[in-house]
Each structure stands twice: as structure tokens, then as C-alpha cells.
Amino acid sequence: MKKVLLFILTIFVFIACEGPMGMQGPTGPQGEPGYGTNWYTTAITIDKSEWKLMGNPNELNSYYYVDKPFKELTRAIFDNGSVIAYIETAEGVKNGMPMVLHKAEEDELGEFFWTQTYDFDFYPNGISFYLTYSDFSTKIKPDSETFHIVLIW
């Protein structure tokens, strides 16, 4: 019985969709003004020499950061928009931030493991980038990095 009912319903759907198109109805009234979507993209390259160390080398809670002016990030975008950041991990390859990367190396003392995390925060007219190491081994500065920023409002 279910199969027969399903068969009849299927035929009805196909038959009901046939027929000539009706005439276009009248244009409706103008709607209220709405919000459009605006966006802006840019790339920011941080040179190796720009990274600053917060704390002392290898000190607990030490990390690297860079503050950059970003005039395109207005108060209006900060309050009502979105900011998305990516790090360029290779030519033509981007990774959304925060980017967490687990790493390991081996030397004469044995194996050692850590996690490095790239992150960012933003404020009107500025943006900051961070690199933290889970083992706080901050005696070696990070390399140059390119970040891609998308503003949407």
C-alpha cells in the first residue's frame, strides 16, 4: 500500500509541475534600505627583525609579538564587522588562524617536542600577531611571516 501511495504521489508531483508559465506580476513596493556586504583584503609581511620578545628568553610565559597599524580597520568595522586572518605557510598555501603546529626534533640530548601557535588580535586602527611556544623556548626569533587579513562589514 505504501508503494502504491508513493507511486501516486510521485506521478502527481511530476504532472502538477507542467503547464505554461503565468504572466509576471506587478513590481512590489521599494523595500527599506538594508546593509550590503563590503570587504577588504590585504597581506602583511612581518620581517624577522620586527618580532619583539615579551619577557626574557626562555622565561615562563614568554612569547613573540608584533603590533602593526591598520588604518583600514575602523571603529565601525571593529564594532560591527568581522576580521579573519590567515598565515601563509608556503607559496600559494594559507592556513586559518590560530594555527597550531606540533613539532619535534632530536639532538645529542634526545628528542624534544613542542607546539607553536600563531594567533592574532585586533583593535581599531591596529592588529597584533603572536607566536607562542608550548615549551617557552624563546631564545631564537621567529622567521619572517606573511599574514593575509580579510575585513568584512
Protein backbone atom coordinates (compact mmCIF):
# COMPACT_ATOMS: atom_id res chain seq x y z
CA MET A 1 0.00 0.00 0.00
CA LYS A 2 2.86 2.38 0.84
CA LYS A 3 4.49 1.72 -2.53
CA VAL A 4 1.25 2.48 -4.38
CA LEU A 5 0.75 5.70 -2.39
CA LEU A 6 4.36 6.75 -3.06
CA PHE A 7 3.91 5.99 -6.79
CA ILE A 8 0.73 8.09 -7.00
CA LEU A 9 2.35 10.96 -5.07
CA THR A 10 5.38 10.90 -7.40
CA ILE A 11 3.18 11.00 -10.52
CA PHE A 12 1.14 13.85 -9.03
CA VAL A 13 4.29 15.90 -8.38
CA PHE A 14 5.51 15.48 -11.97
CA ILE A 15 2.10 16.22 -13.50
CA ALA A 16 1.44 19.21 -11.24
CA CYS A 17 4.68 20.91 -12.34
CA GLU A 18 3.72 21.01 -16.02
CA GLY A 19 1.90 23.82 -17.74
CA PRO A 20 2.50 27.23 -19.26
CA MET A 21 4.26 29.92 -17.26
CA GLY A 22 1.96 32.63 -15.96
CA MET A 23 2.38 36.35 -16.58
CA GLN A 24 4.81 38.40 -14.49
CA GLY A 25 3.09 40.06 -11.57
CA PRO A 26 3.37 43.79 -10.78
CA THR A 27 6.57 45.13 -9.21
CA GLY A 28 6.29 45.38 -5.45
CA PRO A 29 6.95 48.48 -3.34
CA GLN A 30 10.53 49.62 -2.66
CA GLY A 31 11.92 47.89 0.44
CA GLU A 32 13.66 49.54 3.34
CA PRO A 33 17.37 50.23 2.89
CA GLY A 34 19.45 47.28 4.03
CA TYR A 35 23.06 46.56 4.70
CA GLY A 36 25.36 45.49 1.90
CA THR A 37 28.42 43.35 2.34
CA ASN A 38 31.72 45.12 1.98
CA TRP A 39 35.11 43.52 2.24
CA TYR A 40 38.77 44.46 2.14
CA THR A 41 41.79 42.16 1.91
CA THR A 42 45.49 42.78 2.37
CA ALA A 43 48.72 40.95 3.12
CA ILE A 44 51.08 41.98 5.90
CA THR A 45 54.62 40.62 5.92
CA ILE A 46 56.44 40.62 9.25
CA ASP A 47 60.21 40.71 8.87
CA LYS A 48 62.26 38.54 11.23
CA SER A 49 63.69 41.70 12.81
CA GLU A 50 60.21 43.06 13.71
CA TRP A 51 59.28 40.30 16.18
CA LYS A 52 59.54 41.52 19.79
CA LEU A 53 60.00 39.24 22.78
CA MET A 54 57.60 39.65 25.70
CA GLY A 55 59.55 38.55 28.77
CA ASN A 56 63.09 37.20 28.81
CA PRO A 57 64.44 34.41 26.58
CA ASN A 58 63.19 31.00 27.78
CA GLU A 59 61.26 32.62 30.65
CA LEU A 60 57.90 31.14 31.59
CA ASN A 61 55.07 32.82 29.67
CA SER A 62 57.48 34.47 27.20
CA TYR A 63 56.28 34.87 23.61
CA TYR A 64 56.86 36.88 20.43
CA TYR A 65 54.56 39.58 19.12
CA VAL A 66 54.30 42.36 16.54
CA ASP A 67 51.90 45.31 16.65
CA LYS A 68 51.06 46.85 13.28
CA PRO A 69 48.99 49.93 12.44
CA PHE A 70 45.98 49.03 10.30
CA LYS A 71 44.00 52.18 9.44
CA GLU A 72 41.51 50.23 7.32
CA LEU A 73 40.23 48.54 10.49
CA THR A 74 37.92 51.34 11.58
CA ARG A 75 35.87 51.61 14.76
CA ALA A 76 32.74 50.73 12.71
CA ILE A 77 34.33 47.52 11.38
CA PHE A 78 35.64 46.68 14.86
CA ASP A 79 32.18 47.14 16.39
CA ASN A 80 30.01 45.58 13.66
CA GLY A 81 32.21 43.64 11.25
CA SER A 82 34.45 40.59 11.14
CA VAL A 83 38.20 40.18 10.91
CA ILE A 84 39.64 36.94 9.55
CA ALA A 85 43.37 36.19 9.40
CA TYR A 86 45.43 33.55 7.63
CA ILE A 87 49.11 32.73 7.74
CA GLU A 88 50.88 31.86 4.51
CA THR A 89 52.56 28.53 5.22
CA ALA A 90 54.00 28.07 1.71
CA GLU A 91 53.68 29.86 -1.61
CA GLY A 92 50.00 29.68 -2.56
CA VAL A 93 49.02 27.97 0.73
CA LYS A 94 47.18 29.69 3.61
CA ASN A 95 46.10 28.37 7.00
CA GLY A 96 43.40 29.95 9.16
CA MET A 97 44.49 31.39 12.47
CA PRO A 98 45.03 30.42 15.13
CA MET A 99 47.39 27.95 13.54
CA VAL A 100 48.65 25.24 15.89
CA LEU A 101 51.62 23.19 14.75
CA HIS A 102 53.08 20.27 16.71
CA LYS A 103 56.80 19.85 16.21
CA ALA A 104 59.65 17.60 17.33
CA GLU A 105 63.41 17.47 16.88
CA GLU A 106 66.24 15.33 18.08
CA ASP A 107 69.76 16.29 19.16
CA GLU A 108 72.55 14.82 21.28
CA LEU A 109 70.36 15.20 24.38
CA GLY A 110 67.49 13.23 22.87
CA GLU A 111 64.05 14.05 21.49
CA PHE A 112 62.15 17.16 22.36
CA PHE A 113 58.59 18.13 21.49
CA TRP A 114 56.71 21.42 21.43
CA THR A 115 53.73 23.16 19.94
CA GLN A 116 53.94 26.54 18.25
CA THR A 117 50.84 28.66 17.85
CA TYR A 118 50.37 31.70 15.62
CA ASP A 119 47.49 33.91 16.66
CA PHE A 120 46.27 37.49 16.32
CA ASP A 121 44.09 40.09 17.91
CA PHE A 122 42.84 43.40 16.63
CA TYR A 123 41.64 46.78 17.74
CA PRO A 124 40.52 49.94 15.91
CA ASN A 125 43.34 51.02 13.57
CA GLY A 126 45.66 48.17 14.56
CA ILE A 127 46.40 44.46 14.57
CA SER A 128 48.81 42.29 16.58
CA PHE A 129 50.34 38.93 15.71
CA TYR A 130 51.67 36.43 18.24
CA LEU A 131 53.87 33.35 18.21
CA THR A 132 53.89 31.21 21.34
CA TYR A 133 55.88 28.06 22.05
CA SER A 134 54.46 25.48 24.46
CA ASP A 135 57.92 24.95 25.99
CA PHE A 136 58.65 28.74 26.18
CA SER A 137 61.94 28.21 24.34
CA THR A 138 62.08 31.77 23.02
CA LYS A 139 65.84 32.24 22.62
CA ILE A 140 65.55 32.05 18.80
CA LYS A 141 63.43 34.66 16.97
CA PRO A 142 60.75 33.51 14.51
CA ASP A 143 61.33 33.84 10.78
CA SER A 144 59.62 36.34 8.50
CA GLU A 145 55.95 35.51 8.03
CA THR A 146 53.17 36.75 5.75
CA PHE A 147 49.66 37.13 7.10
CA HIS A 148 46.53 37.72 4.99
CA ILE A 149 43.74 39.75 6.54
CA VAL A 150 40.08 39.93 5.45
CA LEU A 151 37.76 42.63 6.77
CA ILE A 152 34.02 42.10 6.26
CA TRP A 153 31.31 44.62 7.21
